[in-house]
Amino acid sequence: MSYYDKHVFFCVNQREPGEGCCNDFEAGRLRTYVKDKVKQLDIPDAGNRIRINAAGCLGRCDEGPVLVVYPEGIWYTYIDESDLDEIIEEHLTHGRIVERLKI
């Protein structure tokens, strides 16, 4: 059994100028947004221990900014806070995969 119920890794990698990367899409700022929001929401069901982490390159830069949720191993892309709010509400809170953002 994993220590965390959900463990989220945000790629916040910064590549050399001219090479696309997740941090070009404000991944670091948006990771902080999710971390703060999850903490603020204090998601119900005390068993939901959720950890939001920064990661180096996850190797999927060509698919836009990415994050992965474990233990399911579900990969997502996102554009802005509203996409991340949907991932928080649907996947992290209710365990439902957000198909439209899944990669």
C-alpha atoms as a PDB file:
ATOM      1  CA  MET A   1       0.000   0.000   0.000  1.00  0.00           C
ATOM      2  CA  SER A   2       1.340   3.402  -0.965  1.00  0.00           C
ATOM      3  CA  TYR A   3       1.821   6.041   1.708  1.00  0.00           C
ATOM      4  CA  TYR A   4      -0.136   8.524  -0.410  1.00  0.00           C
ATOM      5  CA  ASP A   5      -3.519   7.804  -1.921  1.00  0.00           C
ATOM      6  CA  LYS A   6      -2.596  10.045  -4.858  1.00  0.00           C
ATOM      7  CA  HIS A   7       0.890  11.220  -5.768  1.00  0.00           C
ATOM      8  CA  VAL A   8       0.993  13.878  -8.499  1.00  0.00           C
ATOM      9  CA  PHE A   9       4.174  14.738 -10.376  1.00  0.00           C
ATOM     10  CA  PHE A  10       4.321  17.948 -12.434  1.00  0.00           C
ATOM     11  CA  CYS A  11       7.056  18.226 -15.039  1.00  0.00           C
ATOM     12  CA  VAL A  12       8.638  21.624 -14.375  1.00  0.00           C
ATOM     13  CA  ASN A  13      11.711  21.023 -16.525  1.00  0.00           C
ATOM     14  CA  GLN A  14      13.395  23.981 -18.179  1.00  0.00           C
ATOM     15  CA  ARG A  15      15.284  23.141 -21.378  1.00  0.00           C
ATOM     16  CA  GLU A  16      17.741  25.248 -23.325  1.00  0.00           C
ATOM     17  CA  PRO A  17      16.256  28.216 -25.243  1.00  0.00           C
ATOM     18  CA  GLY A  18      14.551  27.057 -28.417  1.00  0.00           C
ATOM     19  CA  GLU A  19      13.756  23.587 -27.056  1.00  0.00           C
ATOM     20  CA  GLY A  20      10.152  23.163 -25.973  1.00  0.00           C
ATOM     21  CA  CYS A  21       9.505  22.196 -22.371  1.00  0.00           C
ATOM     22  CA  CYS A  22       6.761  22.119 -19.784  1.00  0.00           C
ATOM     23  CA  ASN A  23       8.092  25.119 -17.903  1.00  0.00           C
ATOM     24  CA  ASP A  24       7.444  27.234 -21.034  1.00  0.00           C
ATOM     25  CA  PHE A  25       3.768  26.829 -20.068  1.00  0.00           C
ATOM     26  CA  GLU A  26       4.211  28.091 -16.488  1.00  0.00           C
ATOM     27  CA  ALA A  27       4.316  24.562 -15.086  1.00  0.00           C
ATOM     28  CA  GLY A  28       6.095  25.657 -11.908  1.00  0.00           C
ATOM     29  CA  ARG A  29       3.499  28.308 -11.105  1.00  0.00           C
ATOM     30  CA  LEU A  30       0.618  25.976 -11.931  1.00  0.00           C
ATOM     31  CA  ARG A  31       2.090  23.210  -9.759  1.00  0.00           C
ATOM     32  CA  THR A  32       2.114  25.665  -6.853  1.00  0.00           C
ATOM     33  CA  TYR A  33      -1.495  26.563  -7.683  1.00  0.00           C
ATOM     34  CA  VAL A  34      -2.553  22.898  -7.436  1.00  0.00           C
ATOM     35  CA  LYS A  35      -0.533  22.289  -4.283  1.00  0.00           C
ATOM     36  CA  ASP A  36      -2.104  25.297  -2.563  1.00  0.00           C
ATOM     37  CA  LYS A  37      -5.607  24.460  -3.767  1.00  0.00           C
ATOM     38  CA  VAL A  38      -5.432  20.815  -2.626  1.00  0.00           C
ATOM     39  CA  LYS A  39      -4.217  21.962   0.779  1.00  0.00           C
ATOM     40  CA  GLN A  40      -6.923  24.641   0.990  1.00  0.00           C
ATOM     41  CA  LEU A  41      -9.708  22.245  -0.002  1.00  0.00           C
ATOM     42  CA  ASP A  42      -8.739  19.704   2.648  1.00  0.00           C
ATOM     43  CA  ILE A  43     -10.351  17.084   0.431  1.00  0.00           C
ATOM     44  CA  PRO A  44     -12.967  15.017   2.285  1.00  0.00           C
ATOM     45  CA  ASP A  45     -12.543  11.407   3.323  1.00  0.00           C
ATOM     46  CA  ALA A  46      -9.581  11.581   5.664  1.00  0.00           C
ATOM     47  CA  GLY A  47      -7.997   8.655   3.829  1.00  0.00           C
ATOM     48  CA  ASN A  48      -7.216  10.881   0.831  1.00  0.00           C
ATOM     49  CA  ARG A  49      -3.583  11.760   1.395  1.00  0.00           C
ATOM     50  CA  ILE A  50      -2.468  13.673  -1.673  1.00  0.00           C
ATOM     51  CA  ARG A  51       1.062  14.808  -2.467  1.00  0.00           C
ATOM     52  CA  ILE A  52       1.873  17.317  -5.234  1.00  0.00           C
ATOM     53  CA  ASN A  53       5.508  17.179  -6.370  1.00  0.00           C
ATOM     54  CA  ALA A  54       7.725  18.873  -8.924  1.00  0.00           C
ATOM     55  CA  ALA A  55       9.601  16.591 -11.293  1.00  0.00           C
ATOM     56  CA  GLY A  56      12.375  17.061 -13.789  1.00  0.00           C
ATOM     57  CA  CYS A  57      11.804  16.068 -17.376  1.00  0.00           C
ATOM     58  CA  LEU A  58       9.207  13.317 -17.682  1.00  0.00           C
ATOM     59  CA  GLY A  59      10.059  12.809 -21.365  1.00  0.00           C
ATOM     60  CA  ARG A  60       6.744  13.884 -22.877  1.00  0.00           C
ATOM     61  CA  CYS A  61       7.472  17.530 -23.675  1.00  0.00           C
ATOM     62  CA  ASP A  62       5.989  17.215 -27.149  1.00  0.00           C
ATOM     63  CA  GLU A  63       2.561  16.660 -25.589  1.00  0.00           C
ATOM     64  CA  GLY A  64       2.455  20.039 -23.857  1.00  0.00           C
ATOM     65  CA  PRO A  65       2.755  20.582 -20.138  1.00  0.00           C
ATOM     66  CA  VAL A  66       2.259  17.241 -18.407  1.00  0.00           C
ATOM     67  CA  LEU A  67       1.570  15.755 -15.034  1.00  0.00           C
ATOM     68  CA  VAL A  68       1.116  12.161 -13.929  1.00  0.00           C
ATOM     69  CA  VAL A  69      -1.047  10.823 -11.108  1.00  0.00           C
ATOM     70  CA  TYR A  70       0.011   7.697  -9.245  1.00  0.00           C
ATOM     71  CA  PRO A  71      -0.759   5.011  -8.261  1.00  0.00           C
ATOM     72  CA  GLU A  72      -2.953   4.860 -11.378  1.00  0.00           C
ATOM     73  CA  GLY A  73      -0.230   6.128 -13.720  1.00  0.00           C
ATOM     74  CA  ILE A  74      -2.637   8.460 -15.511  1.00  0.00           C
ATOM     75  CA  TRP A  75      -0.957  11.158 -17.619  1.00  0.00           C
ATOM     76  CA  TYR A  76      -2.599  14.518 -18.243  1.00  0.00           C
ATOM     77  CA  THR A  77      -1.918  17.649 -20.211  1.00  0.00           C
ATOM     78  CA  TYR A  78      -3.478  20.963 -19.253  1.00  0.00           C
ATOM     79  CA  ILE A  79      -3.769  24.552 -20.418  1.00  0.00           C
ATOM     80  CA  ASP A  80      -4.738  26.576 -17.377  1.00  0.00           C
ATOM     81  CA  GLU A  81      -6.185  26.627 -13.881  1.00  0.00           C
ATOM     82  CA  SER A  82      -9.629  25.516 -15.041  1.00  0.00           C
ATOM     83  CA  ASP A  83      -8.179  22.284 -16.465  1.00  0.00           C
ATOM     84  CA  LEU A  84      -6.303  21.697 -13.221  1.00  0.00           C
ATOM     85  CA  ASP A  85      -9.430  22.431 -11.176  1.00  0.00           C
ATOM     86  CA  GLU A  86     -11.192  19.723 -13.159  1.00  0.00           C
ATOM     87  CA  ILE A  87      -8.393  17.235 -12.444  1.00  0.00           C
ATOM     88  CA  ILE A  88      -8.546  18.119  -8.728  1.00  0.00           C
ATOM     89  CA  GLU A  89     -12.331  17.794  -8.574  1.00  0.00           C
ATOM     90  CA  GLU A  90     -12.756  14.714 -10.725  1.00  0.00           C
ATOM     91  CA  HIS A  91      -9.611  12.634 -10.307  1.00  0.00           C
ATOM     92  CA  LEU A  92      -8.090  13.636  -6.988  1.00  0.00           C
ATOM     93  CA  THR A  93     -11.374  14.080  -5.130  1.00  0.00           C
ATOM     94  CA  HIS A  94     -13.668  11.525  -6.765  1.00  0.00           C
ATOM     95  CA  GLY A  95     -11.303   9.092  -8.497  1.00  0.00           C
ATOM     96  CA  ARG A  96     -12.757   9.733 -11.969  1.00  0.00           C
ATOM     97  CA  ILE A  97     -10.324  10.042 -14.868  1.00  0.00           C
ATOM     98  CA  VAL A  98     -10.671  13.251 -16.911  1.00  0.00           C
ATOM     99  CA  GLU A  99     -10.680  11.680 -20.360  1.00  0.00           C
ATOM    100  CA  ARG A 100     -10.485  14.949 -22.317  1.00  0.00           C
ATOM    101  CA  LEU A 101      -7.144  15.821 -20.676  1.00  0.00           C
ATOM    102  CA  LYS A 102      -5.675  12.332 -20.589  1.00  0.00           C
ATOM    103  CA  ILE A 103      -2.668  11.592 -22.798  1.00  0.00           C
END
